[in-house]
Amino acid sequence: MSFYWVKTNSFIKTVFSKYCWDIPNNEKKIYLTFDDGPTPEITDWVLSELKKFDAKATFFCIGKNIKTNFSLFKKVITEGHCIGNHTMNHINGWKSQNDEYIENVINCASILAEEKSTETLLFRPPYGKIKKQQSKILRNLGYKIVMWDVLSADFDQSITPEKCLENVTKNVKSGSVIVFHDSIKASQNLKFALPKTLHFLKENGYKFDIIH
């Protein structure tokens, strides 16, 4: 199992303060995010679940998936959700040369601009892995680098769906940025945890908002 943290601590947020980890507020607003789509087998189901709770979310999309699933991508937008850049090919910043990485982000941005007919400057690095110089270049281009406060770990096939749900419900607070994945890999945990998460959040007075 890969190393990751489910709840981002204050030390990490302070050291990497130029990234968006959460969006503190006094209104119990939380920010659902979905990475790696659009995926035909999963994204449409996610949209249906969100609609049941009148919940809006931010989808960090992979460029190549947008190209092959254009109508589904447009549906995400039509239903009032926000879009972010997740690179063209889900590239790992730690394993990439800076120019290669930036080009991959820009290639995705070109697809987003073409298909969405508008520019988005929200960016989430795949795996949460990005080098300091890569981050600096993107921020100088105007990008807001969005990380997370709460990670569901739905992608981790070694944990139970119940644990995935607990990762969210035990750690969420007002302002949390929560990560799920609309991907095949995450689907088993996601299909259990997402409906129950939405119900929990609604029952506990949380409001759903998108990231700007």
N, C-alpha and C. Protein backbone atom coordinates (compact mmCIF):
# COMPACT_ATOMS: atom_id res chain seq x y z
N MET A 1 0.84 -1.19 0.00
CA MET A 1 0.00 0.00 0.00
C MET A 1 0.88 1.25 0.00
N SER A 2 0.55 2.19 -0.84
CA SER A 2 1.32 3.43 -0.92
C SER A 2 1.10 4.27 0.32
N PHE A 3 2.11 5.06 0.66
CA PHE A 3 1.98 5.97 1.80
C PHE A 3 1.11 7.16 1.40
N TYR A 4 0.20 7.53 2.27
CA TYR A 4 -0.59 8.75 2.10
C TYR A 4 -1.18 9.11 3.44
N TRP A 5 -1.61 10.36 3.58
CA TRP A 5 -2.28 10.75 4.81
C TRP A 5 -3.74 11.05 4.49
N VAL A 6 -4.62 10.58 5.36
CA VAL A 6 -6.06 10.75 5.18
C VAL A 6 -6.49 12.14 5.62
N LYS A 7 -5.91 12.61 6.72
CA LYS A 7 -6.22 13.94 7.24
C LYS A 7 -4.96 14.78 7.19
N THR A 8 -5.00 15.89 6.46
CA THR A 8 -3.82 16.74 6.33
C THR A 8 -3.64 17.57 7.60
N ASN A 9 -2.46 17.45 8.21
CA ASN A 9 -2.26 18.16 9.48
C ASN A 9 -1.81 19.61 9.26
N SER A 10 -1.87 20.38 10.33
CA SER A 10 -1.59 21.82 10.24
C SER A 10 -0.15 22.10 9.86
N PHE A 11 0.77 21.21 10.23
CA PHE A 11 2.18 21.42 9.88
C PHE A 11 2.37 21.40 8.36
N ILE A 12 1.78 20.41 7.71
CA ILE A 12 1.88 20.31 6.25
C ILE A 12 1.26 21.55 5.60
N LYS A 13 0.10 21.96 6.11
CA LYS A 13 -0.58 23.13 5.54
C LYS A 13 0.27 24.40 5.69
N THR A 14 1.00 24.49 6.79
CA THR A 14 1.84 25.66 7.03
C THR A 14 3.08 25.65 6.15
N VAL A 15 3.73 24.49 6.06
CA VAL A 15 4.95 24.37 5.24
C VAL A 15 4.64 24.63 3.77
N PHE A 16 3.51 24.09 3.30
CA PHE A 16 3.13 24.26 1.90
C PHE A 16 1.92 25.20 1.81
N SER A 17 2.11 26.37 2.36
CA SER A 17 1.01 27.32 2.51
C SER A 17 0.53 27.94 1.20
N LYS A 18 1.31 27.78 0.14
CA LYS A 18 0.91 28.36 -1.15
C LYS A 18 -0.07 27.45 -1.90
N TYR A 19 -0.34 26.29 -1.33
CA TYR A 19 -1.34 25.39 -1.90
C TYR A 19 -2.65 25.58 -1.15
N CYS A 20 -3.76 25.25 -1.81
CA CYS A 20 -5.07 25.28 -1.16
C CYS A 20 -5.34 23.90 -0.58
N TRP A 21 -5.37 23.80 0.73
CA TRP A 21 -5.64 22.54 1.43
C TRP A 21 -7.07 22.46 1.92
N ASP A 22 -7.61 23.59 2.34
CA ASP A 22 -8.99 23.69 2.79
C ASP A 22 -9.45 25.12 2.57
N ILE A 23 -10.73 25.36 2.81
CA ILE A 23 -11.29 26.69 2.60
C ILE A 23 -12.11 27.03 3.85
N PRO A 24 -11.43 27.49 4.91
CA PRO A 24 -12.10 27.73 6.19
C PRO A 24 -13.29 28.69 6.07
N ASN A 25 -14.37 28.36 6.77
CA ASN A 25 -15.55 29.20 6.79
C ASN A 25 -16.38 28.85 8.04
N ASN A 26 -17.31 29.72 8.35
CA ASN A 26 -18.18 29.51 9.52
C ASN A 26 -19.58 29.05 9.13
N GLU A 27 -19.73 28.58 7.89
CA GLU A 27 -21.05 28.23 7.37
C GLU A 27 -21.22 26.73 7.15
N LYS A 28 -20.27 25.93 7.64
CA LYS A 28 -20.28 24.47 7.45
C LYS A 28 -20.27 24.08 5.97
N LYS A 29 -19.62 24.90 5.16
CA LYS A 29 -19.44 24.55 3.75
C LYS A 29 -18.28 23.57 3.61
N ILE A 30 -18.48 22.54 2.80
CA ILE A 30 -17.41 21.61 2.47
C ILE A 30 -17.31 21.51 0.95
N TYR A 31 -16.19 20.95 0.48
CA TYR A 31 -15.90 20.96 -0.95
C TYR A 31 -15.56 19.55 -1.42
N LEU A 32 -16.54 18.90 -2.05
CA LEU A 32 -16.32 17.58 -2.62
C LEU A 32 -15.54 17.70 -3.92
N THR A 33 -14.53 16.86 -4.10
CA THR A 33 -13.78 16.86 -5.35
C THR A 33 -13.65 15.42 -5.85
N PHE A 34 -13.60 15.29 -7.17
CA PHE A 34 -13.45 13.98 -7.81
C PHE A 34 -12.32 14.06 -8.84
N ASP A 35 -11.38 13.13 -8.72
CA ASP A 35 -10.22 13.10 -9.61
C ASP A 35 -10.32 11.97 -10.63
N ASP A 36 -9.66 12.17 -11.77
CA ASP A 36 -9.34 11.12 -12.76
C ASP A 36 -10.39 10.88 -13.83
N GLY A 37 -11.53 11.53 -13.79
CA GLY A 37 -12.54 11.31 -14.82
C GLY A 37 -12.32 12.20 -16.04
N PRO A 38 -13.32 12.27 -16.91
CA PRO A 38 -14.57 11.53 -16.79
C PRO A 38 -14.41 10.07 -17.23
N THR A 39 -15.10 9.18 -16.52
CA THR A 39 -15.06 7.74 -16.77
C THR A 39 -16.49 7.25 -16.99
N PRO A 40 -16.82 6.75 -18.16
CA PRO A 40 -18.21 6.38 -18.47
C PRO A 40 -18.86 5.50 -17.43
N GLU A 41 -18.16 4.50 -16.93
CA GLU A 41 -18.76 3.55 -16.01
C GLU A 41 -19.03 4.14 -14.62
N ILE A 42 -18.38 5.26 -14.30
CA ILE A 42 -18.44 5.79 -12.93
C ILE A 42 -18.99 7.21 -12.85
N THR A 43 -18.54 8.10 -13.71
CA THR A 43 -18.88 9.53 -13.58
C THR A 43 -20.38 9.76 -13.67
N ASP A 44 -21.05 9.07 -14.56
CA ASP A 44 -22.49 9.25 -14.70
C ASP A 44 -23.21 8.85 -13.41
N TRP A 45 -22.74 7.79 -12.78
CA TRP A 45 -23.31 7.36 -11.50
C TRP A 45 -23.06 8.41 -10.43
N VAL A 46 -21.85 8.97 -10.38
CA VAL A 46 -21.52 10.02 -9.41
C VAL A 46 -22.46 11.21 -9.59
N LEU A 47 -22.68 11.62 -10.82
CA LEU A 47 -23.56 12.76 -11.09
C LEU A 47 -24.98 12.48 -10.58
N SER A 48 -25.42 11.26 -10.76
CA SER A 48 -26.75 10.88 -10.29
C SER A 48 -26.85 10.94 -8.77
N GLU A 49 -25.81 10.46 -8.09
CA GLU A 49 -25.81 10.51 -6.62
C GLU A 49 -25.76 11.95 -6.10
N LEU A 50 -24.95 12.77 -6.73
CA LEU A 50 -24.86 14.18 -6.32
C LEU A 50 -26.20 14.88 -6.48
N LYS A 51 -26.89 14.57 -7.57
CA LYS A 51 -28.17 15.22 -7.85
C LYS A 51 -29.20 14.89 -6.77
N LYS A 52 -29.16 13.68 -6.24
CA LYS A 52 -30.11 13.27 -5.19
C LYS A 52 -30.02 14.17 -3.96
N PHE A 53 -28.84 14.73 -3.73
CA PHE A 53 -28.62 15.56 -2.54
C PHE A 53 -28.43 17.03 -2.89
N ASP A 54 -28.71 17.35 -4.16
CA ASP A 54 -28.51 18.72 -4.64
C ASP A 54 -27.11 19.22 -4.29
N ALA A 55 -26.14 18.33 -4.49
CA ALA A 55 -24.75 18.63 -4.13
C ALA A 55 -23.93 18.98 -5.37
N LYS A 56 -23.16 20.03 -5.28
CA LYS A 56 -22.24 20.40 -6.35
C LYS A 56 -20.82 20.01 -5.94
N ALA A 57 -19.99 19.74 -6.94
CA ALA A 57 -18.62 19.28 -6.66
C ALA A 57 -17.68 19.86 -7.71
N THR A 58 -16.39 19.66 -7.47
CA THR A 58 -15.35 20.08 -8.40
C THR A 58 -14.68 18.83 -8.95
N PHE A 59 -14.66 18.70 -10.27
CA PHE A 59 -14.09 17.53 -10.95
C PHE A 59 -12.75 17.90 -11.57
N PHE A 60 -11.68 17.26 -11.09
CA PHE A 60 -10.35 17.45 -11.67
C PHE A 60 -10.16 16.39 -12.75
N CYS A 61 -10.24 16.83 -13.99
CA CYS A 61 -10.33 15.92 -15.13
C CYS A 61 -8.99 15.71 -15.83
N ILE A 62 -8.81 14.51 -16.35
CA ILE A 62 -7.63 14.16 -17.14
C ILE A 62 -7.94 14.48 -18.61
N GLY A 63 -7.01 15.17 -19.26
CA GLY A 63 -7.25 15.61 -20.63
C GLY A 63 -7.62 14.51 -21.60
N LYS A 64 -6.89 13.39 -21.54
CA LYS A 64 -7.17 12.31 -22.48
C LYS A 64 -8.54 11.69 -22.24
N ASN A 65 -9.03 11.73 -21.00
CA ASN A 65 -10.37 11.23 -20.70
C ASN A 65 -11.45 12.17 -21.22
N ILE A 66 -11.16 13.46 -21.19
CA ILE A 66 -12.10 14.44 -21.76
C ILE A 66 -12.25 14.19 -23.26
N LYS A 67 -11.13 13.96 -23.94
CA LYS A 67 -11.16 13.76 -25.39
C LYS A 67 -11.99 12.54 -25.77
N THR A 68 -11.90 11.48 -24.98
CA THR A 68 -12.59 10.24 -25.33
C THR A 68 -14.00 10.16 -24.75
N ASN A 69 -14.34 11.07 -23.84
CA ASN A 69 -15.67 11.05 -23.21
C ASN A 69 -16.26 12.46 -23.18
N PHE A 70 -16.29 13.07 -24.34
CA PHE A 70 -16.66 14.47 -24.44
C PHE A 70 -18.09 14.73 -23.95
N SER A 71 -19.04 13.91 -24.34
CA SER A 71 -20.44 14.17 -23.95
C SER A 71 -20.62 14.07 -22.43
N LEU A 72 -19.91 13.15 -21.81
CA LEU A 72 -19.97 13.01 -20.36
C LEU A 72 -19.33 14.22 -19.67
N PHE A 73 -18.24 14.69 -20.23
CA PHE A 73 -17.58 15.89 -19.71
C PHE A 73 -18.54 17.08 -19.76
N LYS A 74 -19.24 17.23 -20.88
CA LYS A 74 -20.18 18.33 -21.01
C LYS A 74 -21.34 18.19 -20.01
N LYS A 75 -21.71 16.96 -19.71
CA LYS A 75 -22.78 16.73 -18.74
C LYS A 75 -22.37 17.21 -17.36
N VAL A 76 -21.11 16.99 -16.98
CA VAL A 76 -20.60 17.48 -15.70
C VAL A 76 -20.80 18.99 -15.60
N ILE A 77 -20.46 19.68 -16.67
CA ILE A 77 -20.58 21.14 -16.69
C ILE A 77 -22.05 21.57 -16.69
N THR A 78 -22.85 20.92 -17.53
CA THR A 78 -24.27 21.27 -17.64
C THR A 78 -25.00 21.13 -16.32
N GLU A 79 -24.58 20.16 -15.50
CA GLU A 79 -25.24 19.95 -14.21
C GLU A 79 -24.71 20.85 -13.10
N GLY A 80 -23.88 21.82 -13.48
CA GLY A 80 -23.49 22.87 -12.55
C GLY A 80 -22.26 22.63 -11.71
N HIS A 81 -21.47 21.64 -12.09
CA HIS A 81 -20.25 21.35 -11.34
C HIS A 81 -19.08 22.14 -11.90
N CYS A 82 -18.03 22.24 -11.11
CA CYS A 82 -16.83 22.98 -11.49
C CYS A 82 -15.79 22.02 -12.05
N ILE A 83 -14.93 22.54 -12.92
CA ILE A 83 -13.91 21.73 -13.58
C ILE A 83 -12.51 22.22 -13.20
N GLY A 84 -11.60 21.27 -12.99
CA GLY A 84 -10.20 21.58 -12.76
C GLY A 84 -9.30 20.73 -13.64
N ASN A 85 -8.05 21.12 -13.75
CA ASN A 85 -7.04 20.47 -14.58
C ASN A 85 -6.30 19.41 -13.74
N HIS A 86 -6.20 18.19 -14.30
CA HIS A 86 -5.50 17.09 -13.60
C HIS A 86 -4.43 16.47 -14.51
N THR A 87 -3.86 17.30 -15.37
CA THR A 87 -2.87 16.96 -16.40
C THR A 87 -3.51 16.20 -17.56
N MET A 88 -2.78 16.10 -18.63
CA MET A 88 -3.26 15.40 -19.83
C MET A 88 -3.23 13.89 -19.67
N ASN A 89 -2.21 13.38 -18.97
CA ASN A 89 -2.00 11.92 -18.91
C ASN A 89 -1.78 11.40 -17.50
N HIS A 90 -2.28 12.12 -16.50
CA HIS A 90 -2.11 11.70 -15.09
C HIS A 90 -0.62 11.49 -14.79
N ILE A 91 0.15 12.51 -15.03
CA ILE A 91 1.61 12.43 -14.93
C ILE A 91 2.07 12.73 -13.50
N ASN A 92 3.10 12.01 -13.07
CA ASN A 92 3.66 12.15 -11.73
C ASN A 92 4.76 13.21 -11.75
N GLY A 93 4.53 14.32 -11.04
CA GLY A 93 5.49 15.42 -11.06
C GLY A 93 6.86 15.05 -10.53
N TRP A 94 6.91 14.20 -9.50
CA TRP A 94 8.19 13.81 -8.92
C TRP A 94 9.06 13.01 -9.89
N LYS A 95 8.43 12.36 -10.86
CA LYS A 95 9.15 11.51 -11.80
C LYS A 95 9.28 12.16 -13.18
N SER A 96 8.96 13.45 -13.27
CA SER A 96 8.94 14.13 -14.56
C SER A 96 9.88 15.32 -14.58
N GLN A 97 10.47 15.59 -15.74
CA GLN A 97 11.22 16.82 -15.94
C GLN A 97 10.24 17.99 -15.92
N ASN A 98 10.71 19.13 -15.47
CA ASN A 98 9.83 20.28 -15.32
C ASN A 98 9.13 20.68 -16.61
N ASP A 99 9.90 20.74 -17.72
CA ASP A 99 9.29 21.16 -18.98
C ASP A 99 8.26 20.15 -19.47
N GLU A 100 8.53 18.86 -19.26
CA GLU A 100 7.58 17.81 -19.63
C GLU A 100 6.29 17.95 -18.82
N TYR A 101 6.44 18.22 -17.54
CA TYR A 101 5.28 18.32 -16.65
C TYR A 101 4.41 19.52 -17.03
N ILE A 102 5.04 20.67 -17.20
CA ILE A 102 4.29 21.88 -17.53
C ILE A 102 3.59 21.72 -18.88
N GLU A 103 4.26 21.10 -19.84
CA GLU A 103 3.65 20.88 -21.15
C GLU A 103 2.41 19.99 -21.02
N ASN A 104 2.48 18.99 -20.14
CA ASN A 104 1.35 18.09 -19.94
C ASN A 104 0.15 18.83 -19.34
N VAL A 105 0.42 19.73 -18.42
CA VAL A 105 -0.64 20.55 -17.82
C VAL A 105 -1.25 21.47 -18.88
N ILE A 106 -0.39 22.10 -19.67
CA ILE A 106 -0.86 23.03 -20.70
C ILE A 106 -1.66 22.31 -21.78
N ASN A 107 -1.25 21.08 -22.10
CA ASN A 107 -2.01 20.30 -23.08
C ASN A 107 -3.43 20.02 -22.58
N CYS A 108 -3.53 19.71 -21.30
CA CYS A 108 -4.86 19.51 -20.72
C CYS A 108 -5.65 20.82 -20.73
N ALA A 109 -4.97 21.92 -20.41
CA ALA A 109 -5.63 23.23 -20.41
C ALA A 109 -6.19 23.56 -21.79
N SER A 110 -5.47 23.17 -22.82
CA SER A 110 -5.93 23.42 -24.19
C SER A 110 -7.21 22.65 -24.49
N ILE A 111 -7.25 21.40 -24.02
CA ILE A 111 -8.46 20.59 -24.20
C ILE A 111 -9.62 21.19 -23.42
N LEU A 112 -9.36 21.61 -22.20
CA LEU A 112 -10.41 22.22 -21.37
C LEU A 112 -10.95 23.49 -22.02
N ALA A 113 -10.05 24.32 -22.52
CA ALA A 113 -10.47 25.58 -23.15
C ALA A 113 -11.29 25.32 -24.41
N GLU A 114 -10.88 24.31 -25.16
CA GLU A 114 -11.58 23.96 -26.40
C GLU A 114 -12.96 23.38 -26.12
N GLU A 115 -13.03 22.46 -25.15
CA GLU A 115 -14.28 21.75 -24.90
C GLU A 115 -15.22 22.52 -23.96
N LYS A 116 -14.64 23.28 -23.06
CA LYS A 116 -15.45 24.02 -22.08
C LYS A 116 -15.71 25.44 -22.54
N SER A 117 -14.94 25.87 -23.54
CA SER A 117 -15.06 27.22 -24.09
C SER A 117 -14.78 28.30 -23.04
N THR A 118 -14.01 27.95 -22.03
CA THR A 118 -13.60 28.91 -21.02
C THR A 118 -12.34 28.37 -20.35
N GLU A 119 -11.65 29.21 -19.63
CA GLU A 119 -10.40 28.81 -19.00
C GLU A 119 -10.63 28.46 -17.53
N THR A 120 -10.00 27.38 -17.09
CA THR A 120 -10.01 27.07 -15.67
C THR A 120 -8.58 27.11 -15.15
N LEU A 121 -8.39 27.73 -14.01
CA LEU A 121 -7.06 27.84 -13.43
C LEU A 121 -6.96 27.07 -12.12
N LEU A 122 -7.85 26.10 -11.95
CA LEU A 122 -7.74 25.17 -10.83
C LEU A 122 -6.91 23.99 -11.27
N PHE A 123 -5.96 23.58 -10.44
CA PHE A 123 -5.09 22.45 -10.80
C PHE A 123 -4.84 21.58 -9.59
N ARG A 124 -4.96 20.27 -9.80
CA ARG A 124 -4.56 19.32 -8.76
C ARG A 124 -3.53 18.36 -9.35
N PRO A 125 -2.34 18.28 -8.74
CA PRO A 125 -1.32 17.36 -9.22
C PRO A 125 -1.69 15.91 -8.96
N PRO A 126 -1.64 15.05 -9.97
CA PRO A 126 -1.89 13.62 -9.74
C PRO A 126 -0.99 13.08 -8.62
N TYR A 127 -1.54 12.25 -7.78
CA TYR A 127 -0.88 11.65 -6.63
C TYR A 127 -0.51 12.70 -5.57
N GLY A 128 -0.87 13.97 -5.80
CA GLY A 128 -0.45 15.04 -4.90
C GLY A 128 1.04 15.30 -4.98
N LYS A 129 1.68 14.86 -6.08
CA LYS A 129 3.14 14.95 -6.21
C LYS A 129 3.53 15.99 -7.24
N ILE A 130 4.18 17.04 -6.78
CA ILE A 130 4.61 18.13 -7.64
C ILE A 130 5.89 18.74 -7.06
N LYS A 131 6.86 19.01 -7.91
CA LYS A 131 8.11 19.62 -7.48
C LYS A 131 7.92 21.12 -7.24
N LYS A 132 8.80 21.66 -6.41
CA LYS A 132 8.73 23.08 -6.06
C LYS A 132 8.77 23.97 -7.30
N GLN A 133 9.66 23.68 -8.24
CA GLN A 133 9.79 24.52 -9.42
C GLN A 133 8.57 24.39 -10.33
N GLN A 134 8.02 23.18 -10.43
CA GLN A 134 6.80 22.98 -11.22
C GLN A 134 5.66 23.80 -10.64
N SER A 135 5.54 23.76 -9.33
CA SER A 135 4.51 24.54 -8.64
C SER A 135 4.70 26.03 -8.88
N LYS A 136 5.93 26.49 -8.80
CA LYS A 136 6.21 27.92 -8.98
C LYS A 136 5.81 28.38 -10.38
N ILE A 137 6.16 27.58 -11.37
CA ILE A 137 5.83 27.94 -12.76
C ILE A 137 4.31 28.01 -12.94
N LEU A 138 3.61 27.02 -12.44
CA LEU A 138 2.16 27.00 -12.60
C LEU A 138 1.50 28.16 -11.86
N ARG A 139 1.98 28.44 -10.66
CA ARG A 139 1.40 29.56 -9.91
C ARG A 139 1.67 30.89 -10.60
N ASN A 140 2.84 31.00 -11.23
CA ASN A 140 3.15 32.21 -12.00
C ASN A 140 2.25 32.35 -13.23
N LEU A 141 1.74 31.22 -13.70
CA LEU A 141 0.79 31.24 -14.83
C LEU A 141 -0.64 31.50 -14.36
N GLY A 142 -0.79 31.63 -13.05
CA GLY A 142 -2.10 31.96 -12.49
C GLY A 142 -2.88 30.80 -11.91
N TYR A 143 -2.27 29.61 -11.89
CA TYR A 143 -2.99 28.45 -11.38
C TYR A 143 -3.11 28.45 -9.86
N LYS A 144 -4.25 27.98 -9.40
CA LYS A 144 -4.48 27.72 -7.98
C LYS A 144 -4.30 26.22 -7.78
N ILE A 145 -3.31 25.83 -6.99
CA ILE A 145 -3.02 24.41 -6.79
C ILE A 145 -3.82 23.91 -5.60
N VAL A 146 -4.74 23.01 -5.90
CA VAL A 146 -5.70 22.52 -4.90
C VAL A 146 -5.29 21.13 -4.44
N MET A 147 -5.00 20.99 -3.17
CA MET A 147 -4.67 19.69 -2.60
C MET A 147 -5.90 19.17 -1.86
N TRP A 148 -5.79 18.81 -0.58
CA TRP A 148 -6.95 18.31 0.15
C TRP A 148 -6.75 18.38 1.65
N ASP A 149 -7.86 18.38 2.33
CA ASP A 149 -7.89 18.31 3.79
C ASP A 149 -8.25 16.89 4.24
N VAL A 150 -9.13 16.23 3.45
CA VAL A 150 -9.59 14.88 3.78
C VAL A 150 -9.51 14.01 2.53
N LEU A 151 -8.84 12.88 2.67
CA LEU A 151 -8.68 11.92 1.57
C LEU A 151 -9.48 10.66 1.88
N SER A 152 -10.43 10.33 1.03
CA SER A 152 -11.24 9.13 1.27
C SER A 152 -10.43 7.85 1.11
N ALA A 153 -9.38 7.90 0.28
CA ALA A 153 -8.56 6.73 -0.05
C ALA A 153 -9.38 5.65 -0.75
N ASP A 154 -10.38 6.08 -1.51
CA ASP A 154 -11.20 5.13 -2.26
C ASP A 154 -10.40 4.32 -3.27
N PHE A 155 -9.27 4.86 -3.72
CA PHE A 155 -8.41 4.19 -4.68
C PHE A 155 -7.66 2.99 -4.09
N ASP A 156 -7.59 2.95 -2.75
CA ASP A 156 -6.80 1.93 -2.07
C ASP A 156 -7.62 0.65 -1.94
N GLN A 157 -7.32 -0.33 -2.77
CA GLN A 157 -8.10 -1.56 -2.80
C GLN A 157 -7.78 -2.49 -1.63
N SER A 158 -6.84 -2.09 -0.77
CA SER A 158 -6.52 -2.89 0.41
C SER A 158 -7.38 -2.50 1.62
N ILE A 159 -8.14 -1.40 1.51
CA ILE A 159 -9.01 -1.02 2.62
C ILE A 159 -10.46 -1.40 2.30
N THR A 160 -11.27 -1.52 3.34
CA THR A 160 -12.67 -1.88 3.15
C THR A 160 -13.48 -0.64 2.76
N PRO A 161 -14.61 -0.84 2.12
CA PRO A 161 -15.50 0.30 1.84
C PRO A 161 -15.90 1.04 3.12
N GLU A 162 -16.08 0.29 4.20
CA GLU A 162 -16.44 0.92 5.48
C GLU A 162 -15.33 1.85 5.98
N LYS A 163 -14.09 1.44 5.80
CA LYS A 163 -12.96 2.28 6.19
C LYS A 163 -12.89 3.53 5.33
N CYS A 164 -13.17 3.38 4.06
CA CYS A 164 -13.20 4.53 3.14
C CYS A 164 -14.21 5.56 3.64
N LEU A 165 -15.39 5.09 4.00
CA LEU A 165 -16.43 5.98 4.53
C LEU A 165 -15.96 6.65 5.82
N GLU A 166 -15.37 5.88 6.70
CA GLU A 166 -14.89 6.41 7.98
C GLU A 166 -13.80 7.46 7.79
N ASN A 167 -12.96 7.28 6.79
CA ASN A 167 -11.91 8.26 6.51
C ASN A 167 -12.49 9.66 6.32
N VAL A 168 -13.68 9.72 5.74
CA VAL A 168 -14.33 11.01 5.52
C VAL A 168 -15.11 11.45 6.75
N THR A 169 -16.00 10.61 7.23
CA THR A 169 -16.92 11.04 8.29
C THR A 169 -16.22 11.36 9.60
N LYS A 170 -15.08 10.72 9.86
CA LYS A 170 -14.36 10.96 11.12
C LYS A 170 -13.45 12.19 11.05
N ASN A 171 -13.23 12.72 9.85
CA ASN A 171 -12.25 13.79 9.70
C ASN A 171 -12.79 15.09 9.12
N VAL A 172 -13.98 15.05 8.55
CA VAL A 172 -14.52 16.25 7.90
C VAL A 172 -14.83 17.34 8.92
N LYS A 173 -14.62 18.58 8.50
CA LYS A 173 -15.01 19.74 9.29
C LYS A 173 -15.38 20.85 8.32
N SER A 174 -15.93 21.92 8.82
CA SER A 174 -16.26 23.06 7.97
C SER A 174 -15.02 23.51 7.22
N GLY A 175 -15.14 23.62 5.90
CA GLY A 175 -14.02 24.06 5.08
C GLY A 175 -13.22 22.95 4.44
N SER A 176 -13.51 21.70 4.80
CA SER A 176 -12.74 20.57 4.27
C SER A 176 -12.87 20.44 2.75
N VAL A 177 -11.74 20.16 2.11
CA VAL A 177 -11.70 19.75 0.71
C VAL A 177 -11.53 18.24 0.73
N ILE A 178 -12.53 17.52 0.22
CA ILE A 178 -12.59 16.07 0.31
C ILE A 178 -12.32 15.45 -1.06
N VAL A 179 -11.47 14.43 -1.09
CA VAL A 179 -11.11 13.80 -2.36
C VAL A 179 -11.75 12.41 -2.52
N PHE A 180 -12.47 12.25 -3.63
CA PHE A 180 -12.90 10.96 -4.14
C PHE A 180 -12.34 10.83 -5.56
N HIS A 181 -12.51 9.66 -6.16
CA HIS A 181 -12.05 9.42 -7.54
C HIS A 181 -13.16 8.79 -8.36
N ASP A 182 -13.50 9.41 -9.49
CA ASP A 182 -14.47 8.78 -10.38
C ASP A 182 -13.70 7.93 -11.40
N SER A 183 -13.15 6.84 -10.89
CA SER A 183 -12.32 5.93 -11.68
C SER A 183 -12.75 4.49 -11.43
N ILE A 184 -12.38 3.60 -12.34
CA ILE A 184 -12.69 2.18 -12.19
C ILE A 184 -12.02 1.62 -10.94
N LYS A 185 -10.77 1.99 -10.73
CA LYS A 185 -10.01 1.47 -9.59
C LYS A 185 -10.69 1.77 -8.27
N ALA A 186 -11.28 2.94 -8.17
CA ALA A 186 -11.89 3.38 -6.91
C ALA A 186 -13.35 2.95 -6.77
N SER A 187 -13.92 2.37 -7.80
CA SER A 187 -15.37 2.22 -7.89
C SER A 187 -15.99 1.41 -6.75
N GLN A 188 -15.35 0.33 -6.32
CA GLN A 188 -15.95 -0.50 -5.27
C GLN A 188 -16.11 0.28 -3.97
N ASN A 189 -15.05 0.96 -3.55
CA ASN A 189 -15.13 1.76 -2.34
C ASN A 189 -16.05 2.97 -2.53
N LEU A 190 -15.94 3.60 -3.69
CA LEU A 190 -16.73 4.81 -3.96
C LEU A 190 -18.22 4.52 -3.93
N LYS A 191 -18.64 3.43 -4.54
CA LYS A 191 -20.08 3.14 -4.64
C LYS A 191 -20.69 2.83 -3.28
N PHE A 192 -19.88 2.39 -2.36
CA PHE A 192 -20.36 2.21 -0.99
C PHE A 192 -20.31 3.53 -0.23
N ALA A 193 -19.18 4.22 -0.31
CA ALA A 193 -18.93 5.37 0.58
C ALA A 193 -19.62 6.65 0.16
N LEU A 194 -19.72 6.91 -1.14
CA LEU A 194 -20.24 8.21 -1.56
C LEU A 194 -21.70 8.45 -1.14
N PRO A 195 -22.63 7.53 -1.40
CA PRO A 195 -24.02 7.80 -0.97
C PRO A 195 -24.12 8.01 0.54
N LYS A 196 -23.38 7.21 1.30
CA LYS A 196 -23.44 7.33 2.76
C LYS A 196 -22.76 8.62 3.23
N THR A 197 -21.71 9.03 2.54
CA THR A 197 -21.06 10.31 2.86
C THR A 197 -22.01 11.47 2.61
N LEU A 198 -22.68 11.46 1.47
CA LEU A 198 -23.62 12.52 1.14
C LEU A 198 -24.73 12.59 2.18
N HIS A 199 -25.24 11.45 2.57
CA HIS A 199 -26.30 11.41 3.58
C HIS A 199 -25.77 11.94 4.92
N PHE A 200 -24.59 11.52 5.31
CA PHE A 200 -23.98 11.98 6.58
C PHE A 200 -23.80 13.49 6.58
N LEU A 201 -23.27 14.01 5.51
CA LEU A 201 -23.01 15.45 5.44
C LEU A 201 -24.31 16.24 5.50
N LYS A 202 -25.31 15.78 4.77
CA LYS A 202 -26.61 16.47 4.75
C LYS A 202 -27.25 16.42 6.14
N GLU A 203 -27.23 15.24 6.76
CA GLU A 203 -27.84 15.07 8.08
C GLU A 203 -27.15 15.91 9.15
N ASN A 204 -25.87 16.18 8.95
CA ASN A 204 -25.10 16.95 9.94
C ASN A 204 -24.97 18.43 9.59
N GLY A 205 -25.78 18.87 8.67
CA GLY A 205 -25.89 20.30 8.40
C GLY A 205 -24.81 20.89 7.52
N TYR A 206 -24.02 20.07 6.86
CA TYR A 206 -23.00 20.59 5.95
C TYR A 206 -23.61 21.05 4.63
N LYS A 207 -23.00 22.06 4.04
CA LYS A 207 -23.43 22.59 2.75
C LYS A 207 -22.35 22.29 1.71
N PHE A 208 -22.80 21.99 0.50
CA PHE A 208 -21.88 21.65 -0.57
C PHE A 208 -21.57 22.88 -1.42
N ASP A 209 -20.30 23.09 -1.69
CA ASP A 209 -19.90 24.24 -2.52
C ASP A 209 -18.81 23.79 -3.48
N ILE A 210 -18.60 24.60 -4.52
CA ILE A 210 -17.54 24.33 -5.48
C ILE A 210 -16.35 25.25 -5.21
N ILE A 211 -15.19 24.85 -5.71
CA ILE A 211 -13.97 25.63 -5.51
C ILE A 211 -13.83 26.64 -6.63
N HIS A 212 -13.47 27.85 -6.26
CA HIS A 212 -13.30 28.92 -7.25
C HIS A 212 -11.83 29.32 -7.34
